[in-house]
Amino acid sequence: LKDFNFKNTMSKPQLKKAEEPKGFIGEASPEQIAAWKEANNTNELLAIKVKNKDGSTSICYLKKADRNVSSLAYTHIANKRMIEAGGVFIANCWLGGDERIKTVDALYLAACQQAYDALDIAEAESEKI
């Protein structure tokens, strides 16, 4: 009689290697990015990448804010409402990308935080003379 060998009766599951995603959801072509830069007379745009629950990544593109947009955002910052400040940039500077970033709360909040964190504020000081 042979003893039952549990190890030999079970085959090890073959794990499939996860396929690398082919870009981002909402990704713009290099030609589109160049067109946005030309239309907005700039060499820089902001690309915000947000991880989705399924492991994919969504992307959106924002142009640089003008003074009116920045002023509105700063009123939220002064009241310690950073997500709302980022939302001002998303609402007013959106060029394109995955539309779900504007409608799915988790994606929107993450993008707002990134937009706020990307603010480029120069340092200044004053003195009475």
N, C-alpha and C. Protein backbone atom coordinates (compact mmCIF):
# COMPACT_ATOMS: atom_id res chain seq x y z
N LEU A 1 0.82 -1.18 0.00
CA LEU A 1 0.00 0.00 0.00
C LEU A 1 0.87 1.25 0.00
N LYS A 2 0.43 2.22 -0.79
CA LYS A 2 1.13 3.51 -0.80
C LYS A 2 0.33 4.50 0.02
N ASP A 3 1.05 5.30 0.73
CA ASP A 3 0.41 6.35 1.52
C ASP A 3 -0.08 7.47 0.59
N PHE A 4 -1.17 8.05 0.94
CA PHE A 4 -1.71 9.17 0.17
C PHE A 4 -0.77 10.36 0.30
N ASN A 5 -0.33 10.92 -0.81
CA ASN A 5 0.58 12.05 -0.79
C ASN A 5 -0.18 13.27 -1.32
N PHE A 6 -0.62 14.09 -0.39
CA PHE A 6 -1.42 15.27 -0.73
C PHE A 6 -0.67 16.20 -1.67
N LYS A 7 0.62 16.35 -1.48
CA LYS A 7 1.41 17.27 -2.29
C LYS A 7 1.39 16.89 -3.77
N ASN A 8 1.37 15.62 -4.06
CA ASN A 8 1.41 15.19 -5.45
C ASN A 8 0.06 15.27 -6.15
N THR A 9 -1.02 15.39 -5.38
CA THR A 9 -2.34 15.42 -6.02
C THR A 9 -2.76 16.82 -6.41
N MET A 10 -2.12 17.79 -5.85
CA MET A 10 -2.50 19.17 -6.18
C MET A 10 -1.44 19.80 -7.06
N SER A 11 -1.88 20.30 -8.16
CA SER A 11 -0.92 21.02 -9.00
C SER A 11 -0.91 22.47 -8.54
N LYS A 12 0.25 23.03 -8.58
CA LYS A 12 0.36 24.43 -8.17
C LYS A 12 -0.28 25.30 -9.24
N PRO A 13 -1.09 26.25 -8.80
CA PRO A 13 -1.70 27.13 -9.80
C PRO A 13 -0.62 27.97 -10.49
N GLN A 14 -0.77 28.08 -11.77
CA GLN A 14 0.16 28.90 -12.53
C GLN A 14 -0.35 30.33 -12.52
N LEU A 15 0.42 31.19 -11.91
CA LEU A 15 0.02 32.58 -11.85
C LEU A 15 0.41 33.27 -13.14
N LYS A 16 -0.55 33.93 -13.70
CA LYS A 16 -0.27 34.69 -14.91
C LYS A 16 0.39 36.00 -14.52
N LYS A 17 1.39 36.35 -15.26
CA LYS A 17 2.03 37.63 -15.03
C LYS A 17 1.07 38.72 -15.51
N ALA A 18 0.84 39.68 -14.64
CA ALA A 18 -0.07 40.77 -15.02
C ALA A 18 0.50 41.52 -16.20
N GLU A 19 -0.38 41.79 -17.13
CA GLU A 19 0.06 42.54 -18.30
C GLU A 19 0.26 44.00 -17.92
N GLU A 20 1.31 44.56 -18.44
CA GLU A 20 1.57 45.97 -18.21
C GLU A 20 0.52 46.78 -18.95
N PRO A 21 -0.05 47.77 -18.28
CA PRO A 21 -1.04 48.59 -18.98
C PRO A 21 -0.40 49.33 -20.14
N LYS A 22 -1.15 49.51 -21.16
CA LYS A 22 -0.65 50.20 -22.34
C LYS A 22 -1.09 51.65 -22.27
N GLY A 23 -0.44 52.41 -21.43
CA GLY A 23 -0.77 53.82 -21.28
C GLY A 23 -1.76 54.05 -20.16
N PHE A 24 -2.31 55.24 -20.16
CA PHE A 24 -3.23 55.66 -19.11
C PHE A 24 -4.61 55.88 -19.70
N ILE A 25 -5.63 55.71 -18.87
CA ILE A 25 -6.99 55.97 -19.31
C ILE A 25 -7.13 57.48 -19.48
N GLY A 26 -7.50 57.90 -20.67
CA GLY A 26 -7.65 59.32 -20.96
C GLY A 26 -6.39 59.97 -21.51
N GLU A 27 -5.37 59.15 -21.78
CA GLU A 27 -4.10 59.70 -22.24
C GLU A 27 -4.24 60.38 -23.60
N ALA A 28 -3.65 61.56 -23.69
CA ALA A 28 -3.67 62.33 -24.94
C ALA A 28 -2.46 61.96 -25.79
N SER A 29 -2.61 62.13 -27.07
CA SER A 29 -1.49 61.87 -27.99
C SER A 29 -0.47 63.00 -27.87
N PRO A 30 0.77 62.74 -28.25
CA PRO A 30 1.77 63.81 -28.25
C PRO A 30 1.33 65.00 -29.12
N GLU A 31 0.62 64.71 -30.21
CA GLU A 31 0.13 65.79 -31.08
C GLU A 31 -0.91 66.65 -30.36
N GLN A 32 -1.79 66.01 -29.60
CA GLN A 32 -2.80 66.76 -28.85
C GLN A 32 -2.15 67.62 -27.78
N ILE A 33 -1.17 67.06 -27.09
CA ILE A 33 -0.46 67.83 -26.06
C ILE A 33 0.23 69.04 -26.69
N ALA A 34 0.87 68.84 -27.83
CA ALA A 34 1.52 69.95 -28.53
C ALA A 34 0.49 71.01 -28.94
N ALA A 35 -0.68 70.57 -29.38
CA ALA A 35 -1.73 71.52 -29.78
C ALA A 35 -2.22 72.32 -28.57
N TRP A 36 -2.40 71.65 -27.42
CA TRP A 36 -2.81 72.37 -26.21
C TRP A 36 -1.76 73.39 -25.81
N LYS A 37 -0.50 73.00 -25.87
CA LYS A 37 0.58 73.93 -25.51
C LYS A 37 0.57 75.15 -26.43
N GLU A 38 0.39 74.92 -27.71
CA GLU A 38 0.37 76.02 -28.67
C GLU A 38 -0.85 76.91 -28.43
N ALA A 39 -2.01 76.31 -28.23
CA ALA A 39 -3.24 77.07 -28.03
C ALA A 39 -3.19 77.91 -26.75
N ASN A 40 -2.45 77.43 -25.76
CA ASN A 40 -2.37 78.14 -24.47
C ASN A 40 -1.06 78.91 -24.32
N ASN A 41 -0.28 78.96 -25.41
CA ASN A 41 0.97 79.72 -25.43
C ASN A 41 1.88 79.39 -24.23
N THR A 42 2.14 78.09 -24.07
CA THR A 42 2.96 77.65 -22.95
C THR A 42 3.80 76.45 -23.34
N ASN A 43 4.84 76.21 -22.58
CA ASN A 43 5.66 75.01 -22.77
C ASN A 43 5.34 73.96 -21.71
N GLU A 44 4.47 74.31 -20.77
CA GLU A 44 4.16 73.40 -19.67
C GLU A 44 2.67 73.22 -19.48
N LEU A 45 2.28 71.98 -19.28
CA LEU A 45 0.93 71.63 -18.86
C LEU A 45 1.08 70.74 -17.62
N LEU A 46 0.04 70.60 -16.87
CA LEU A 46 0.07 69.72 -15.71
C LEU A 46 -0.68 68.44 -16.05
N ALA A 47 -0.01 67.31 -15.91
CA ALA A 47 -0.63 66.00 -16.09
C ALA A 47 -0.81 65.38 -14.71
N ILE A 48 -2.04 65.09 -14.34
CA ILE A 48 -2.34 64.48 -13.05
C ILE A 48 -2.74 63.04 -13.29
N LYS A 49 -2.03 62.13 -12.62
CA LYS A 49 -2.31 60.70 -12.76
C LYS A 49 -2.94 60.20 -11.46
N VAL A 50 -4.04 59.47 -11.60
CA VAL A 50 -4.79 58.98 -10.45
C VAL A 50 -4.95 57.47 -10.58
N LYS A 51 -4.57 56.73 -9.52
CA LYS A 51 -4.73 55.28 -9.50
C LYS A 51 -6.18 54.91 -9.26
N ASN A 52 -6.70 54.01 -10.08
CA ASN A 52 -8.05 53.49 -9.92
C ASN A 52 -8.02 52.24 -9.05
N LYS A 53 -9.16 51.88 -8.49
CA LYS A 53 -9.24 50.70 -7.61
C LYS A 53 -8.85 49.41 -8.33
N ASP A 54 -9.05 49.37 -9.64
CA ASP A 54 -8.73 48.15 -10.39
C ASP A 54 -7.25 48.08 -10.79
N GLY A 55 -6.46 49.05 -10.34
CA GLY A 55 -5.03 49.04 -10.64
C GLY A 55 -4.64 49.85 -11.86
N SER A 56 -5.61 50.25 -12.66
CA SER A 56 -5.31 51.08 -13.82
C SER A 56 -5.06 52.52 -13.35
N THR A 57 -4.59 53.35 -14.25
CA THR A 57 -4.30 54.74 -13.92
C THR A 57 -5.01 55.65 -14.91
N SER A 58 -5.71 56.62 -14.37
CA SER A 58 -6.37 57.64 -15.19
C SER A 58 -5.50 58.89 -15.20
N ILE A 59 -5.64 59.67 -16.26
CA ILE A 59 -4.84 60.88 -16.39
C ILE A 59 -5.72 62.02 -16.88
N CYS A 60 -5.39 63.22 -16.41
CA CYS A 60 -6.03 64.41 -16.94
C CYS A 60 -4.98 65.49 -17.12
N TYR A 61 -5.31 66.45 -17.96
CA TYR A 61 -4.37 67.51 -18.30
C TYR A 61 -4.97 68.86 -17.95
N LEU A 62 -4.18 69.70 -17.30
CA LEU A 62 -4.61 71.04 -16.93
C LEU A 62 -3.66 72.07 -17.50
N LYS A 63 -4.22 73.21 -17.91
CA LYS A 63 -3.39 74.33 -18.33
C LYS A 63 -3.05 75.17 -17.10
N LYS A 64 -2.12 76.07 -17.27
CA LYS A 64 -1.76 76.97 -16.17
C LYS A 64 -2.92 77.92 -15.90
N ALA A 65 -3.18 78.17 -14.64
CA ALA A 65 -4.28 79.05 -14.26
C ALA A 65 -3.93 80.51 -14.49
N ASP A 66 -4.94 81.28 -14.88
CA ASP A 66 -4.72 82.73 -14.99
C ASP A 66 -4.97 83.37 -13.62
N ARG A 67 -4.82 84.67 -13.53
CA ARG A 67 -4.95 85.35 -12.23
C ARG A 67 -6.34 85.21 -11.64
N ASN A 68 -7.38 85.24 -12.47
CA ASN A 68 -8.74 85.12 -11.94
C ASN A 68 -8.97 83.76 -11.31
N VAL A 69 -8.52 82.72 -11.97
CA VAL A 69 -8.67 81.36 -11.43
C VAL A 69 -7.84 81.21 -10.15
N SER A 70 -6.60 81.69 -10.20
CA SER A 70 -5.73 81.61 -9.02
C SER A 70 -6.33 82.37 -7.85
N SER A 71 -6.88 83.55 -8.12
CA SER A 71 -7.48 84.36 -7.07
C SER A 71 -8.63 83.62 -6.39
N LEU A 72 -9.48 83.00 -7.20
CA LEU A 72 -10.60 82.22 -6.65
C LEU A 72 -10.08 81.05 -5.82
N ALA A 73 -9.07 80.37 -6.32
CA ALA A 73 -8.49 79.24 -5.57
C ALA A 73 -7.90 79.71 -4.24
N TYR A 74 -7.24 80.86 -4.25
CA TYR A 74 -6.61 81.36 -3.03
C TYR A 74 -7.63 81.76 -1.97
N THR A 75 -8.85 82.12 -2.38
CA THR A 75 -9.87 82.39 -1.37
C THR A 75 -10.21 81.11 -0.61
N HIS A 76 -10.19 79.99 -1.29
CA HIS A 76 -10.41 78.70 -0.61
C HIS A 76 -9.22 78.35 0.27
N ILE A 77 -8.02 78.61 -0.23
CA ILE A 77 -6.81 78.30 0.55
C ILE A 77 -6.80 79.12 1.84
N ALA A 78 -7.19 80.39 1.75
CA ALA A 78 -7.22 81.25 2.94
C ALA A 78 -8.18 80.71 3.99
N ASN A 79 -9.20 79.98 3.54
CA ASN A 79 -10.17 79.39 4.47
C ASN A 79 -9.85 77.93 4.77
N LYS A 80 -8.63 77.51 4.44
CA LYS A 80 -8.14 76.15 4.71
C LYS A 80 -9.00 75.08 4.04
N ARG A 81 -9.46 75.37 2.83
CA ARG A 81 -10.26 74.43 2.05
C ARG A 81 -9.46 74.05 0.80
N MET A 82 -8.46 73.20 1.02
CA MET A 82 -7.50 72.88 -0.03
C MET A 82 -8.12 72.05 -1.17
N ILE A 83 -9.02 71.14 -0.84
CA ILE A 83 -9.66 70.32 -1.88
C ILE A 83 -10.48 71.23 -2.80
N GLU A 84 -11.21 72.18 -2.23
CA GLU A 84 -11.98 73.11 -3.05
C GLU A 84 -11.05 73.95 -3.93
N ALA A 85 -9.90 74.32 -3.38
CA ALA A 85 -8.93 75.09 -4.17
C ALA A 85 -8.47 74.27 -5.37
N GLY A 86 -8.14 73.01 -5.15
CA GLY A 86 -7.77 72.13 -6.25
C GLY A 86 -8.90 71.96 -7.24
N GLY A 87 -10.13 71.91 -6.73
CA GLY A 87 -11.31 71.78 -7.58
C GLY A 87 -11.49 72.97 -8.51
N VAL A 88 -11.10 74.15 -8.04
CA VAL A 88 -11.17 75.35 -8.89
C VAL A 88 -10.26 75.17 -10.10
N PHE A 89 -9.08 74.62 -9.87
CA PHE A 89 -8.15 74.39 -10.98
C PHE A 89 -8.69 73.32 -11.93
N ILE A 90 -9.24 72.25 -11.37
CA ILE A 90 -9.80 71.18 -12.21
C ILE A 90 -10.94 71.75 -13.08
N ALA A 91 -11.82 72.51 -12.47
CA ALA A 91 -12.99 73.04 -13.18
C ALA A 91 -12.62 74.07 -14.25
N ASN A 92 -11.61 74.88 -13.99
CA ASN A 92 -11.30 76.00 -14.88
C ASN A 92 -10.11 75.80 -15.81
N CYS A 93 -9.29 74.80 -15.53
CA CYS A 93 -8.07 74.61 -16.32
C CYS A 93 -8.05 73.28 -17.07
N TRP A 94 -9.11 72.53 -17.00
CA TRP A 94 -9.22 71.21 -17.63
C TRP A 94 -9.04 71.33 -19.14
N LEU A 95 -8.15 70.52 -19.68
CA LEU A 95 -7.96 70.44 -21.13
C LEU A 95 -8.49 69.14 -21.69
N GLY A 96 -8.32 68.05 -20.95
CA GLY A 96 -8.77 66.76 -21.41
C GLY A 96 -8.31 65.66 -20.49
N GLY A 97 -8.70 64.44 -20.83
CA GLY A 97 -8.32 63.29 -20.03
C GLY A 97 -9.53 62.44 -19.71
N ASP A 98 -9.37 61.59 -18.71
CA ASP A 98 -10.44 60.68 -18.30
C ASP A 98 -11.53 61.48 -17.58
N GLU A 99 -12.69 61.58 -18.19
CA GLU A 99 -13.80 62.37 -17.64
C GLU A 99 -14.26 61.87 -16.27
N ARG A 100 -13.98 60.61 -15.96
CA ARG A 100 -14.38 60.07 -14.65
C ARG A 100 -13.71 60.81 -13.51
N ILE A 101 -12.56 61.44 -13.79
CA ILE A 101 -11.87 62.21 -12.74
C ILE A 101 -12.77 63.34 -12.25
N LYS A 102 -13.65 63.85 -13.11
CA LYS A 102 -14.55 64.93 -12.71
C LYS A 102 -15.83 64.41 -12.06
N THR A 103 -16.14 63.14 -12.20
CA THR A 103 -17.42 62.64 -11.73
C THR A 103 -17.34 61.59 -10.62
N VAL A 104 -16.25 60.86 -10.51
CA VAL A 104 -16.10 59.83 -9.48
C VAL A 104 -15.38 60.46 -8.29
N ASP A 105 -16.05 60.48 -7.14
CA ASP A 105 -15.53 61.20 -5.98
C ASP A 105 -14.09 60.85 -5.62
N ALA A 106 -13.77 59.57 -5.55
CA ALA A 106 -12.42 59.17 -5.14
C ALA A 106 -11.37 59.70 -6.11
N LEU A 107 -11.66 59.64 -7.40
CA LEU A 107 -10.72 60.15 -8.40
C LEU A 107 -10.64 61.67 -8.34
N TYR A 108 -11.79 62.31 -8.19
CA TYR A 108 -11.85 63.77 -8.13
C TYR A 108 -11.05 64.31 -6.93
N LEU A 109 -11.26 63.71 -5.77
CA LEU A 109 -10.57 64.19 -4.57
C LEU A 109 -9.06 64.02 -4.70
N ALA A 110 -8.63 62.90 -5.25
CA ALA A 110 -7.19 62.69 -5.45
C ALA A 110 -6.61 63.70 -6.43
N ALA A 111 -7.35 63.97 -7.52
CA ALA A 111 -6.88 64.94 -8.52
C ALA A 111 -6.86 66.35 -7.93
N CYS A 112 -7.86 66.70 -7.13
CA CYS A 112 -7.89 68.02 -6.50
C CYS A 112 -6.68 68.21 -5.58
N GLN A 113 -6.36 67.17 -4.83
CA GLN A 113 -5.20 67.26 -3.93
C GLN A 113 -3.92 67.47 -4.73
N GLN A 114 -3.78 66.75 -5.83
CA GLN A 114 -2.60 66.90 -6.68
C GLN A 114 -2.54 68.29 -7.32
N ALA A 115 -3.68 68.80 -7.76
CA ALA A 115 -3.72 70.14 -8.36
C ALA A 115 -3.30 71.18 -7.34
N TYR A 116 -3.79 71.03 -6.12
CA TYR A 116 -3.40 71.96 -5.04
C TYR A 116 -1.90 71.85 -4.76
N ASP A 117 -1.39 70.63 -4.66
CA ASP A 117 0.03 70.42 -4.36
C ASP A 117 0.94 70.96 -5.45
N ALA A 118 0.43 71.05 -6.67
CA ALA A 118 1.25 71.51 -7.80
C ALA A 118 1.29 73.03 -7.93
N LEU A 119 0.60 73.73 -7.05
CA LEU A 119 0.62 75.20 -7.13
C LEU A 119 2.05 75.71 -7.07
N ASP A 120 2.34 76.60 -7.95
CA ASP A 120 3.68 77.17 -8.02
C ASP A 120 3.60 78.61 -7.51
N ILE A 121 3.94 78.77 -6.25
CA ILE A 121 3.84 80.09 -5.63
C ILE A 121 5.25 80.59 -5.34
N ALA A 122 5.51 81.76 -5.83
CA ALA A 122 6.83 82.37 -5.58
C ALA A 122 6.87 82.88 -4.14
N GLU A 123 8.05 82.87 -3.56
CA GLU A 123 8.21 83.43 -2.22
C GLU A 123 8.39 84.93 -2.33
N ALA A 124 7.85 85.64 -1.38
CA ALA A 124 7.96 87.09 -1.37
C ALA A 124 8.15 87.55 0.06
N GLU A 125 8.70 88.71 0.20
CA GLU A 125 8.79 89.32 1.53
C GLU A 125 8.66 90.81 1.38
N SER A 126 8.30 91.44 2.44
CA SER A 126 8.15 92.90 2.41
C SER A 126 8.79 93.48 3.66
N GLU A 127 9.11 94.75 3.54
CA GLU A 127 9.64 95.46 4.70
C GLU A 127 9.30 96.93 4.54
N LYS A 128 9.11 97.59 5.66
CA LYS A 128 8.86 99.03 5.62
C LYS A 128 10.20 99.73 5.52
N ILE A 129 10.28 100.68 4.63
CA ILE A 129 11.56 101.42 4.51
C ILE A 129 11.31 102.91 4.62
